Amino acid sequence: MITMIARALKLIRQYHRLSQTELAGKLFISTSYLSELEGGKKEASLDILQRYADCFKVPLSSLVVFSETLQGAHSVSKARAFISKKMLRILEWISDNDDSSNIKRTA
């Protein structure tokens, strides 16, 4: 099962229309490591999340909210997990609808 943070990191990249290779270069990490982060095979460290925040000019806290565990922290509260899941679904819906509207505009 892919973690919420992995889904969020992938959505951010896709929203900005960057390939994994392009983003990996901006974050100074390998493309394979980025793929593992987005696939939920590796856990994003606070350093990596800060790089994302800096790259996309968003507050670190907006990324940390999606992290179920971060550097040894245990599970988050049920309310925070519920809200984070809902936020991800909304972002995924926006991303899906944005892609379809771009196709219609270019057709």
PDB file of N, CA and C in Angstrom:
ATOM      1  N   MET A   1       0.845  -1.190   0.000  1.00  0.00           N
ATOM      2  CA  MET A   1       0.000   0.000   0.000  1.00  0.00           C
ATOM      3  C   MET A   1       0.889   1.253   0.000  1.00  0.00           C
ATOM      4  N   ILE A   2       0.594   2.146  -0.896  1.00  0.00           N
ATOM      5  CA  ILE A   2       1.378   3.373  -0.998  1.00  0.00           C
ATOM      6  C   ILE A   2       0.935   4.330   0.107  1.00  0.00           C
ATOM      7  N   THR A   3       1.903   4.937   0.775  1.00  0.00           N
ATOM      8  CA  THR A   3       1.620   5.849   1.871  1.00  0.00           C
ATOM      9  C   THR A   3       1.055   7.166   1.347  1.00  0.00           C
ATOM     10  N   MET A   4       0.431   7.905   2.264  1.00  0.00           N
ATOM     11  CA  MET A   4      -0.118   9.207   1.879  1.00  0.00           C
ATOM     12  C   MET A   4       0.980  10.159   1.427  1.00  0.00           C
ATOM     13  N   ILE A   5       2.121  10.148   2.108  1.00  0.00           N
ATOM     14  CA  ILE A   5       3.199  11.073   1.729  1.00  0.00           C
ATOM     15  C   ILE A   5       3.727  10.733   0.335  1.00  0.00           C
ATOM     16  N   ALA A   6       3.818   9.438   0.022  1.00  0.00           N
ATOM     17  CA  ALA A   6       4.284   9.039  -1.308  1.00  0.00           C
ATOM     18  C   ALA A   6       3.313   9.544  -2.378  1.00  0.00           C
ATOM     19  N   ARG A   7       2.022   9.383  -2.128  1.00  0.00           N
ATOM     20  CA  ARG A   7       1.009   9.879  -3.069  1.00  0.00           C
ATOM     21  C   ARG A   7       1.095  11.385  -3.222  1.00  0.00           C
ATOM     22  N   ALA A   8       1.283  12.086  -2.105  1.00  0.00           N
ATOM     23  CA  ALA A   8       1.354  13.550  -2.145  1.00  0.00           C
ATOM     24  C   ALA A   8       2.574  14.020  -2.938  1.00  0.00           C
ATOM     25  N   LEU A   9       3.711  13.391  -2.713  1.00  0.00           N
ATOM     26  CA  LEU A   9       4.934  13.790  -3.424  1.00  0.00           C
ATOM     27  C   LEU A   9       4.792  13.574  -4.927  1.00  0.00           C
ATOM     28  N   LYS A  10       4.177  12.468  -5.296  1.00  0.00           N
ATOM     29  CA  LYS A  10       3.962  12.193  -6.722  1.00  0.00           C
ATOM     30  C   LYS A  10       2.999  13.210  -7.328  1.00  0.00           C
ATOM     31  N   LEU A  11       1.919  13.525  -6.615  1.00  0.00           N
ATOM     32  CA  LEU A  11       0.945  14.500  -7.111  1.00  0.00           C
ATOM     33  C   LEU A  11       1.559  15.880  -7.302  1.00  0.00           C
ATOM     34  N   ILE A  12       2.402  16.275  -6.374  1.00  0.00           N
ATOM     35  CA  ILE A  12       3.065  17.583  -6.495  1.00  0.00           C
ATOM     36  C   ILE A  12       3.899  17.627  -7.764  1.00  0.00           C
ATOM     37  N   ARG A  13       4.665  16.551  -7.992  1.00  0.00           N
ATOM     38  CA  ARG A  13       5.504  16.498  -9.195  1.00  0.00           C
ATOM     39  C   ARG A  13       4.632  16.530 -10.447  1.00  0.00           C
ATOM     40  N   GLN A  14       3.589  15.720 -10.470  1.00  0.00           N
ATOM     41  CA  GLN A  14       2.725  15.664 -11.639  1.00  0.00           C
ATOM     42  C   GLN A  14       2.007  16.986 -11.885  1.00  0.00           C
ATOM     43  N   TYR A  15       1.567  17.628 -10.820  1.00  0.00           N
ATOM     44  CA  TYR A  15       0.888  18.915 -10.958  1.00  0.00           C
ATOM     45  C   TYR A  15       1.790  19.940 -11.647  1.00  0.00           C
ATOM     46  N   HIS A  16       3.064  19.895 -11.328  1.00  0.00           N
ATOM     47  CA  HIS A  16       4.018  20.831 -11.930  1.00  0.00           C
ATOM     48  C   HIS A  16       4.584  20.322 -13.256  1.00  0.00           C
ATOM     49  N   ARG A  17       4.020  19.208 -13.710  1.00  0.00           N
ATOM     50  CA  ARG A  17       4.376  18.632 -15.008  1.00  0.00           C
ATOM     51  C   ARG A  17       5.884  18.388 -15.156  1.00  0.00           C
ATOM     52  N   LEU A  18       6.459  17.819 -14.106  1.00  0.00           N
ATOM     53  CA  LEU A  18       7.874  17.461 -14.135  1.00  0.00           C
ATOM     54  C   LEU A  18       8.003  15.952 -14.240  1.00  0.00           C
ATOM     55  N   SER A  19       8.981  15.502 -14.997  1.00  0.00           N
ATOM     56  CA  SER A  19       9.287  14.082 -15.023  1.00  0.00           C
ATOM     57  C   SER A  19      10.054  13.738 -13.750  1.00  0.00           C
ATOM     58  N   GLN A  20      10.158  12.460 -13.454  1.00  0.00           N
ATOM     59  CA  GLN A  20      10.945  12.062 -12.286  1.00  0.00           C
ATOM     60  C   GLN A  20      12.398  12.490 -12.462  1.00  0.00           C
ATOM     61  N   THR A  21      12.912  12.389 -13.655  1.00  0.00           N
ATOM     62  CA  THR A  21      14.299  12.776 -13.915  1.00  0.00           C
ATOM     63  C   THR A  21      14.512  14.266 -13.669  1.00  0.00           C
ATOM     64  N   GLU A  22      13.584  15.105 -14.144  1.00  0.00           N
ATOM     65  CA  GLU A  22      13.699  16.550 -13.940  1.00  0.00           C
ATOM     66  C   GLU A  22      13.665  16.909 -12.459  1.00  0.00           C
ATOM     67  N   LEU A  23      12.708  16.321 -11.732  1.00  0.00           N
ATOM     68  CA  LEU A  23      12.598  16.645 -10.314  1.00  0.00           C
ATOM     69  C   LEU A  23      13.779  16.100  -9.525  1.00  0.00           C
ATOM     70  N   ALA A  24      14.226  14.918  -9.843  1.00  0.00           N
ATOM     71  CA  ALA A  24      15.378  14.343  -9.145  1.00  0.00           C
ATOM     72  C   ALA A  24      16.585  15.274  -9.274  1.00  0.00           C
ATOM     73  N   GLY A  25      16.778  15.851 -10.447  1.00  0.00           N
ATOM     74  CA  GLY A  25      17.870  16.799 -10.647  1.00  0.00           C
ATOM     75  C   GLY A  25      17.725  18.032  -9.772  1.00  0.00           C
ATOM     76  N   LYS A  26      16.503  18.531  -9.660  1.00  0.00           N
ATOM     77  CA  LYS A  26      16.266  19.726  -8.834  1.00  0.00           C
ATOM     78  C   LYS A  26      16.451  19.430  -7.344  1.00  0.00           C
ATOM     79  N   LEU A  27      16.161  18.183  -6.943  1.00  0.00           N
ATOM     80  CA  LEU A  27      16.280  17.802  -5.534  1.00  0.00           C
ATOM     81  C   LEU A  27      17.665  17.243  -5.186  1.00  0.00           C
ATOM     82  N   PHE A  28      18.498  17.070  -6.200  1.00  0.00           N
ATOM     83  CA  PHE A  28      19.838  16.507  -6.027  1.00  0.00           C
ATOM     84  C   PHE A  28      19.786  15.096  -5.448  1.00  0.00           C
ATOM     85  N   ILE A  29      18.868  14.286  -6.017  1.00  0.00           N
ATOM     86  CA  ILE A  29      18.780  12.877  -5.663  1.00  0.00           C
ATOM     87  C   ILE A  29      18.692  12.076  -6.952  1.00  0.00           C
ATOM     88  N   SER A  30      18.868  10.768  -6.874  1.00  0.00           N
ATOM     89  CA  SER A  30      18.795   9.943  -8.079  1.00  0.00           C
ATOM     90  C   SER A  30      17.339   9.716  -8.477  1.00  0.00           C
ATOM     91  N   THR A  31      17.150   9.463  -9.751  1.00  0.00           N
ATOM     92  CA  THR A  31      15.812   9.184 -10.257  1.00  0.00           C
ATOM     93  C   THR A  31      15.260   7.917  -9.617  1.00  0.00           C
ATOM     94  N   SER A  32      16.112   6.926  -9.407  1.00  0.00           N
ATOM     95  CA  SER A  32      15.642   5.679  -8.793  1.00  0.00           C
ATOM     96  C   SER A  32      15.188   5.920  -7.351  1.00  0.00           C
ATOM     97  N   TYR A  33      15.887   6.786  -6.617  1.00  0.00           N
ATOM     98  CA  TYR A  33      15.482   7.098  -5.246  1.00  0.00           C
ATOM     99  C   TYR A  33      14.140   7.830  -5.243  1.00  0.00           C
ATOM    100  N   LEU A  34      13.967   8.759  -6.169  1.00  0.00           N
ATOM    101  CA  LEU A  34      12.695   9.476  -6.282  1.00  0.00           C
ATOM    102  C   LEU A  34      11.567   8.500  -6.596  1.00  0.00           C
ATOM    103  N   SER A  35      11.816   7.564  -7.475  1.00  0.00           N
ATOM    104  CA  SER A  35      10.826   6.552  -7.812  1.00  0.00           C
ATOM    105  C   SER A  35      10.447   5.725  -6.589  1.00  0.00           C
ATOM    106  N   GLU A  36      11.433   5.384  -5.775  1.00  0.00           N
ATOM    107  CA  GLU A  36      11.169   4.625  -4.548  1.00  0.00           C
ATOM    108  C   GLU A  36      10.361   5.449  -3.544  1.00  0.00           C
ATOM    109  N   LEU A  37      10.634   6.752  -3.461  1.00  0.00           N
ATOM    110  CA  LEU A  37       9.866   7.635  -2.580  1.00  0.00           C
ATOM    111  C   LEU A  37       8.410   7.683  -3.021  1.00  0.00           C
ATOM    112  N   GLU A  38       8.199   7.905  -4.320  1.00  0.00           N
ATOM    113  CA  GLU A  38       6.848   8.025  -4.850  1.00  0.00           C
ATOM    114  C   GLU A  38       6.104   6.700  -4.825  1.00  0.00           C
ATOM    115  N   GLY A  39       6.836   5.605  -4.875  1.00  0.00           N
ATOM    116  CA  GLY A  39       6.222   4.280  -4.833  1.00  0.00           C
ATOM    117  C   GLY A  39       5.991   3.765  -3.427  1.00  0.00           C
ATOM    118  N   GLY A  40       6.442   4.524  -2.438  1.00  0.00           N
ATOM    119  CA  GLY A  40       6.260   4.125  -1.055  1.00  0.00           C
ATOM    120  C   GLY A  40       7.246   3.085  -0.567  1.00  0.00           C
ATOM    121  N   LYS A  41       8.282   2.824  -1.357  1.00  0.00           N
ATOM    122  CA  LYS A  41       9.291   1.833  -0.965  1.00  0.00           C
ATOM    123  C   LYS A  41      10.312   2.418  -0.001  1.00  0.00           C
ATOM    124  N   LYS A  42      10.511   3.714  -0.071  1.00  0.00           N
ATOM    125  CA  LYS A  42      11.405   4.439   0.847  1.00  0.00           C
ATOM    126  C   LYS A  42      10.594   5.518   1.539  1.00  0.00           C
ATOM    127  N   GLU A  43      10.964   5.811   2.772  1.00  0.00           N
ATOM    128  CA  GLU A  43      10.289   6.859   3.531  1.00  0.00           C
ATOM    129  C   GLU A  43      11.046   8.171   3.353  1.00  0.00           C
ATOM    130  N   ALA A  44      10.317   9.223   3.090  1.00  0.00           N
ATOM    131  CA  ALA A  44      10.932  10.544   2.908  1.00  0.00           C
ATOM    132  C   ALA A  44      11.428  11.075   4.248  1.00  0.00           C
ATOM    133  N   SER A  45      12.666  11.486   4.272  1.00  0.00           N
ATOM    134  CA  SER A  45      13.234  12.089   5.479  1.00  0.00           C
ATOM    135  C   SER A  45      12.801  13.552   5.561  1.00  0.00           C
ATOM    136  N   LEU A  46      13.028  14.138   6.696  1.00  0.00           N
ATOM    137  CA  LEU A  46      12.717  15.558   6.855  1.00  0.00           C
ATOM    138  C   LEU A  46      13.538  16.395   5.875  1.00  0.00           C
ATOM    139  N   ASP A  47      14.769  15.997   5.628  1.00  0.00           N
ATOM    140  CA  ASP A  47      15.621  16.706   4.666  1.00  0.00           C
ATOM    141  C   ASP A  47      15.008  16.676   3.264  1.00  0.00           C
ATOM    142  N   ILE A  48      14.540  15.528   2.842  1.00  0.00           N
ATOM    143  CA  ILE A  48      13.929  15.408   1.514  1.00  0.00           C
ATOM    144  C   ILE A  48      12.658  16.241   1.434  1.00  0.00           C
ATOM    145  N   LEU A  49      11.850  16.190   2.485  1.00  0.00           N
ATOM    146  CA  LEU A  49      10.630  16.997   2.488  1.00  0.00           C
ATOM    147  C   LEU A  49      10.952  18.487   2.429  1.00  0.00           C
ATOM    148  N   GLN A  50      12.026  18.900   3.090  1.00  0.00           N
ATOM    149  CA  GLN A  50      12.436  20.307   3.031  1.00  0.00           C
ATOM    150  C   GLN A  50      12.876  20.683   1.618  1.00  0.00           C
ATOM    151  N   ARG A  51      13.545  19.765   0.944  1.00  0.00           N
ATOM    152  CA  ARG A  51      13.946  20.027  -0.453  1.00  0.00           C
ATOM    153  C   ARG A  51      12.717  20.205  -1.340  1.00  0.00           C
ATOM    154  N   TYR A  52      11.718  19.345  -1.151  1.00  0.00           N
ATOM    155  CA  TYR A  52      10.458  19.501  -1.889  1.00  0.00           C
ATOM    156  C   TYR A  52       9.847  20.867  -1.597  1.00  0.00           C
ATOM    157  N   ALA A  53       9.760  21.202  -0.321  1.00  0.00           N
ATOM    158  CA  ALA A  53       9.157  22.477   0.087  1.00  0.00           C
ATOM    159  C   ALA A  53       9.885  23.646  -0.568  1.00  0.00           C
ATOM    160  N   ASP A  54      11.210  23.620  -0.554  1.00  0.00           N
ATOM    161  CA  ASP A  54      11.996  24.687  -1.168  1.00  0.00           C
ATOM    162  C   ASP A  54      11.792  24.731  -2.679  1.00  0.00           C
ATOM    163  N   CYS A  55      11.795  23.572  -3.300  1.00  0.00           N
ATOM    164  CA  CYS A  55      11.661  23.489  -4.759  1.00  0.00           C
ATOM    165  C   CYS A  55      10.313  24.031  -5.227  1.00  0.00           C
ATOM    166  N   PHE A  56       9.255  23.665  -4.512  1.00  0.00           N
ATOM    167  CA  PHE A  56       7.913  24.057  -4.933  1.00  0.00           C
ATOM    168  C   PHE A  56       7.371  25.266  -4.188  1.00  0.00           C
ATOM    169  N   LYS A  57       8.223  25.854  -3.342  1.00  0.00           N
ATOM    170  CA  LYS A  57       7.870  27.075  -2.610  1.00  0.00           C
ATOM    171  C   LYS A  57       6.561  26.909  -1.816  1.00  0.00           C
ATOM    172  N   VAL A  58       6.533  25.827  -1.027  1.00  0.00           N
ATOM    173  CA  VAL A  58       5.399  25.563  -0.139  1.00  0.00           C
ATOM    174  C   VAL A  58       5.945  25.387   1.275  1.00  0.00           C
ATOM    175  N   PRO A  59       5.138  25.643   2.283  1.00  0.00           N
ATOM    176  CA  PRO A  59       5.610  25.434   3.652  1.00  0.00           C
ATOM    177  C   PRO A  59       5.862  23.949   3.915  1.00  0.00           C
ATOM    178  N   LEU A  60       6.901  23.647   4.634  1.00  0.00           N
ATOM    179  CA  LEU A  60       7.223  22.269   4.993  1.00  0.00           C
ATOM    180  C   LEU A  60       6.037  21.611   5.689  1.00  0.00           C
ATOM    181  N   SER A  61       5.342  22.363   6.513  1.00  0.00           N
ATOM    182  CA  SER A  61       4.202  21.822   7.256  1.00  0.00           C
ATOM    183  C   SER A  61       3.121  21.278   6.330  1.00  0.00           C
ATOM    184  N   SER A  62       2.985  21.853   5.133  1.00  0.00           N
ATOM    185  CA  SER A  62       1.972  21.368   4.211  1.00  0.00           C
ATOM    186  C   SER A  62       2.313  19.996   3.663  1.00  0.00           C
ATOM    187  N   LEU A  63       3.589  19.614   3.705  1.00  0.00           N
ATOM    188  CA  LEU A  63       4.003  18.275   3.290  1.00  0.00           C
ATOM    189  C   LEU A  63       3.981  17.301   4.464  1.00  0.00           C
ATOM    190  N   VAL A  64       4.396  17.778   5.616  1.00  0.00           N
ATOM    191  CA  VAL A  64       4.472  16.920   6.793  1.00  0.00           C
ATOM    192  C   VAL A  64       3.097  16.402   7.187  1.00  0.00           C
ATOM    193  N   VAL A  65       2.052  17.148   6.901  1.00  0.00           N
ATOM    194  CA  VAL A  65       0.695  16.730   7.259  1.00  0.00           C
ATOM    195  C   VAL A  65       0.345  15.378   6.624  1.00  0.00           C
ATOM    196  N   PHE A  66       0.971  15.035   5.506  1.00  0.00           N
ATOM    197  CA  PHE A  66       0.689  13.777   4.822  1.00  0.00           C
ATOM    198  C   PHE A  66       1.535  12.617   5.335  1.00  0.00           C
ATOM    199  N   SER A  67       2.469  12.888   6.202  1.00  0.00           N
ATOM    200  CA  SER A  67       3.381  11.852   6.656  1.00  0.00           C
ATOM    201  C   SER A  67       2.809  11.095   7.845  1.00  0.00           C
ATOM    202  N   GLU A  68       2.542   9.813   7.641  1.00  0.00           N
ATOM    203  CA  GLU A  68       2.039   8.984   8.733  1.00  0.00           C
ATOM    204  C   GLU A  68       3.107   8.796   9.804  1.00  0.00           C
ATOM    205  N   THR A  69       4.334   8.615   9.348  1.00  0.00           N
ATOM    206  CA  THR A  69       5.464   8.491  10.269  1.00  0.00           C
ATOM    207  C   THR A  69       6.597   9.323   9.716  1.00  0.00           C
ATOM    208  N   LEU A  70       7.343   9.945  10.600  1.00  0.00           N
ATOM    209  CA  LEU A  70       8.464  10.765  10.168  1.00  0.00           C
ATOM    210  C   LEU A  70       9.558  10.687  11.209  1.00  0.00           C
ATOM    211  N   GLN A  71      10.667  10.110  10.820  1.00  0.00           N
ATOM    212  CA  GLN A  71      11.832   9.973  11.690  1.00  0.00           C
ATOM    213  C   GLN A  71      11.457   9.436  13.068  1.00  0.00           C
ATOM    214  N   GLY A  72      10.842   8.258  13.064  1.00  0.00           N
ATOM    215  CA  GLY A  72      10.561   7.575  14.311  1.00  0.00           C
ATOM    216  C   GLY A  72       9.252   7.934  14.981  1.00  0.00           C
ATOM    217  N   ALA A  73       8.566   8.952  14.507  1.00  0.00           N
ATOM    218  CA  ALA A  73       7.273   9.299  15.113  1.00  0.00           C
ATOM    219  C   ALA A  73       6.296   8.176  14.804  1.00  0.00           C
ATOM    220  N   HIS A  74       5.416   7.869  15.737  1.00  0.00           N
ATOM    221  CA  HIS A  74       4.458   6.794  15.518  1.00  0.00           C
ATOM    222  C   HIS A  74       3.237   7.320  14.783  1.00  0.00           C
ATOM    223  N   SER A  75       2.151   6.634  14.862  1.00  0.00           N
ATOM    224  CA  SER A  75       0.977   6.988  14.059  1.00  0.00           C
ATOM    225  C   SER A  75       0.406   8.352  14.450  1.00  0.00           C
ATOM    226  N   VAL A  76      -0.203   8.967  13.464  1.00  0.00           N
ATOM    227  CA  VAL A  76      -0.837  10.265  13.685  1.00  0.00           C
ATOM    228  C   VAL A  76      -2.240  10.054  14.224  1.00  0.00           C
ATOM    229  N   SER A  77      -2.858  11.084  14.698  1.00  0.00           N
ATOM    230  CA  SER A  77      -4.224  10.973  15.215  1.00  0.00           C
ATOM    231  C   SER A  77      -5.174  10.571  14.095  1.00  0.00           C
ATOM    232  N   LYS A  78      -6.288   9.972  14.480  1.00  0.00           N
ATOM    233  CA  LYS A  78      -7.278   9.543  13.490  1.00  0.00           C
ATOM    234  C   LYS A  78      -7.833  10.727  12.712  1.00  0.00           C
ATOM    235  N   ALA A  79      -8.045  11.829  13.372  1.00  0.00           N
ATOM    236  CA  ALA A  79      -8.592  13.010  12.686  1.00  0.00           C
ATOM    237  C   ALA A  79      -7.620  13.527  11.637  1.00  0.00           C
ATOM    238  N   ARG A  80      -6.342  13.610  11.986  1.00  0.00           N
ATOM    239  CA  ARG A  80      -5.343  14.102  11.032  1.00  0.00           C
ATOM    240  C   ARG A  80      -5.234  13.155   9.851  1.00  0.00           C
ATOM    241  N   ALA A  81      -5.245  11.851  10.113  1.00  0.00           N
ATOM    242  CA  ALA A  81      -5.176  10.875   9.027  1.00  0.00           C
ATOM    243  C   ALA A  81      -6.390  10.992   8.116  1.00  0.00           C
ATOM    244  N   PHE A  82      -7.568  11.156   8.699  1.00  0.00           N
ATOM    245  CA  PHE A  82      -8.796  11.299   7.925  1.00  0.00           C
ATOM    246  C   PHE A  82      -8.733  12.533   7.024  1.00  0.00           C
ATOM    247  N   ILE A  83      -8.338  13.654   7.591  1.00  0.00           N
ATOM    248  CA  ILE A  83      -8.249  14.906   6.835  1.00  0.00           C
ATOM    249  C   ILE A  83      -7.208  14.796   5.724  1.00  0.00           C
ATOM    250  N   SER A  84      -6.062  14.194   6.035  1.00  0.00           N
ATOM    251  CA  SER A  84      -5.005  14.038   5.034  1.00  0.00           C
ATOM    252  C   SER A  84      -5.480  13.198   3.862  1.00  0.00           C
ATOM    253  N   LYS A  85      -6.199  12.121   4.145  1.00  0.00           N
ATOM    254  CA  LYS A  85      -6.713  11.274   3.065  1.00  0.00           C
ATOM    255  C   LYS A  85      -7.698  12.038   2.197  1.00  0.00           C
ATOM    256  N   LYS A  86      -8.552  12.807   2.826  1.00  0.00           N
ATOM    257  CA  LYS A  86      -9.522  13.612   2.062  1.00  0.00           C
ATOM    258  C   LYS A  86      -8.812  14.649   1.196  1.00  0.00           C
ATOM    259  N   MET A  87      -7.779  15.281   1.758  1.00  0.00           N
ATOM    260  CA  MET A  87      -7.024  16.282   0.995  1.00  0.00           C
ATOM    261  C   MET A  87      -6.364  15.637  -0.221  1.00  0.00           C
ATOM    262  N   LEU A  88      -5.815  14.437  -0.041  1.00  0.00           N
ATOM    263  CA  LEU A  88      -5.188  13.740  -1.165  1.00  0.00           C
ATOM    264  C   LEU A  88      -6.208  13.407  -2.242  1.00  0.00           C
ATOM    265  N   ARG A  89      -7.380  12.961  -1.836  1.00  0.00           N
ATOM    266  CA  ARG A  89      -8.422  12.643  -2.827  1.00  0.00           C
ATOM    267  C   ARG A  89      -8.809  13.889  -3.617  1.00  0.00           C
ATOM    268  N   ILE A  90      -8.909  15.013  -2.946  1.00  0.00           N
ATOM    269  CA  ILE A  90      -9.231  16.265  -3.632  1.00  0.00           C
ATOM    270  C   ILE A  90      -8.130  16.638  -4.614  1.00  0.00           C
ATOM    271  N   LEU A  91      -6.873  16.534  -4.181  1.00  0.00           N
ATOM    272  CA  LEU A  91      -5.749  16.849  -5.070  1.00  0.00           C
ATOM    273  C   LEU A  91      -5.709  15.903  -6.264  1.00  0.00           C
ATOM    274  N   GLU A  92      -5.991  14.624  -6.029  1.00  0.00           N
ATOM    275  CA  GLU A  92      -6.020  13.668  -7.137  1.00  0.00           C
ATOM    276  C   GLU A  92      -7.145  14.001  -8.106  1.00  0.00           C
ATOM    277  N   TRP A  93      -8.306  14.383  -7.575  1.00  0.00           N
ATOM    278  CA  TRP A  93      -9.430  14.761  -8.419  1.00  0.00           C
ATOM    279  C   TRP A  93      -9.068  15.982  -9.266  1.00  0.00           C
ATOM    280  N   ILE A  94      -8.447  16.977  -8.638  1.00  0.00           N
ATOM    281  CA  ILE A  94      -8.028  18.183  -9.366  1.00  0.00           C
ATOM    282  C   ILE A  94      -7.044  17.824 -10.468  1.00  0.00           C
ATOM    283  N   SER A  95      -6.075  16.974 -10.116  1.00  0.00           N
ATOM    284  CA  SER A  95      -5.067  16.560 -11.092  1.00  0.00           C
ATOM    285  C   SER A  95      -5.707  15.825 -12.262  1.00  0.00           C
ATOM    286  N   ASP A  96      -6.613  14.906 -11.978  1.00  0.00           N
ATOM    287  CA  ASP A  96      -7.291  14.152 -13.034  1.00  0.00           C
ATOM    288  C   ASP A  96      -8.126  15.065 -13.922  1.00  0.00           C
ATOM    289  N   ASN A  97      -8.839  15.995 -13.318  1.00  0.00           N
ATOM    290  CA  ASN A  97      -9.682  16.898 -14.097  1.00  0.00           C
ATOM    291  C   ASN A  97      -8.872  17.930 -14.853  1.00  0.00           C
ATOM    292  N   ASP A  98      -7.736  18.346 -14.301  1.00  0.00           N
ATOM    293  CA  ASP A  98      -6.869  19.289 -14.992  1.00  0.00           C
ATOM    294  C   ASP A  98      -6.296  18.637 -16.243  1.00  0.00           C
ATOM    295  N   ASP A  99      -5.900  17.374 -16.155  1.00  0.00           N
ATOM    296  CA  ASP A  99      -5.363  16.666 -17.307  1.00  0.00           C
ATOM    297  C   ASP A  99      -6.405  16.543 -18.403  1.00  0.00           C
ATOM    298  N   SER A 100      -7.644  16.229 -18.053  1.00  0.00           N
ATOM    299  CA  SER A 100      -8.678  16.066 -19.064  1.00  0.00           C
ATOM    300  C   SER A 100      -9.043  17.399 -19.693  1.00  0.00           C
ATOM    301  N   SER A 101      -9.014  18.489 -18.915  1.00  0.00           N
ATOM    302  CA  SER A 101      -9.347  19.788 -19.494  1.00  0.00           C
ATOM    303  C   SER A 101      -8.255  20.269 -20.429  1.00  0.00           C
ATOM    304  N   ASN A 102      -7.002  19.913 -20.131  1.00  0.00           N
ATOM    305  CA  ASN A 102      -5.905  20.282 -21.030  1.00  0.00           C
ATOM    306  C   ASN A 102      -6.027  19.555 -22.357  1.00  0.00           C
ATOM    307  N   ILE A 103      -6.494  18.324 -22.323  1.00  0.00           N
ATOM    308  CA  ILE A 103      -6.658  17.561 -23.554  1.00  0.00           C
ATOM    309  C   ILE A 103      -7.761  18.209 -24.402  1.00  0.00           C
ATOM    310  N   LYS A 104      -8.861  18.613 -23.761  1.00  0.00           N
ATOM    311  CA  LYS A 104      -9.959  19.238 -24.489  1.00  0.00           C
ATOM    312  C   LYS A 104      -9.540  20.577 -25.090  1.00  0.00           C
ATOM    313  N   ARG A 105      -8.707  21.337 -24.358  1.00  0.00           N
ATOM    314  CA  ARG A 105      -8.290  22.658 -24.855  1.00  0.00           C
ATOM    315  C   ARG A 105      -7.362  22.533 -26.058  1.00  0.00           C
ATOM    316  N   THR A 106      -6.557  21.463 -26.107  1.00  0.00           N
ATOM    317  CA  THR A 106      -5.604  21.339 -27.194  1.00  0.00           C
ATOM    318  C   THR A 106      -6.211  20.640 -28.398  1.00  0.00           C
ATOM    319  N   ALA A 107      -7.374  20.027 -28.211  1.00  0.00           N
ATOM    320  CA  ALA A 107      -8.005  19.288 -29.315  1.00  0.00           C
ATOM    321  C   ALA A 107      -8.679  20.231 -30.294  1.00  0.00           C
TER     322      ALA A 107
END
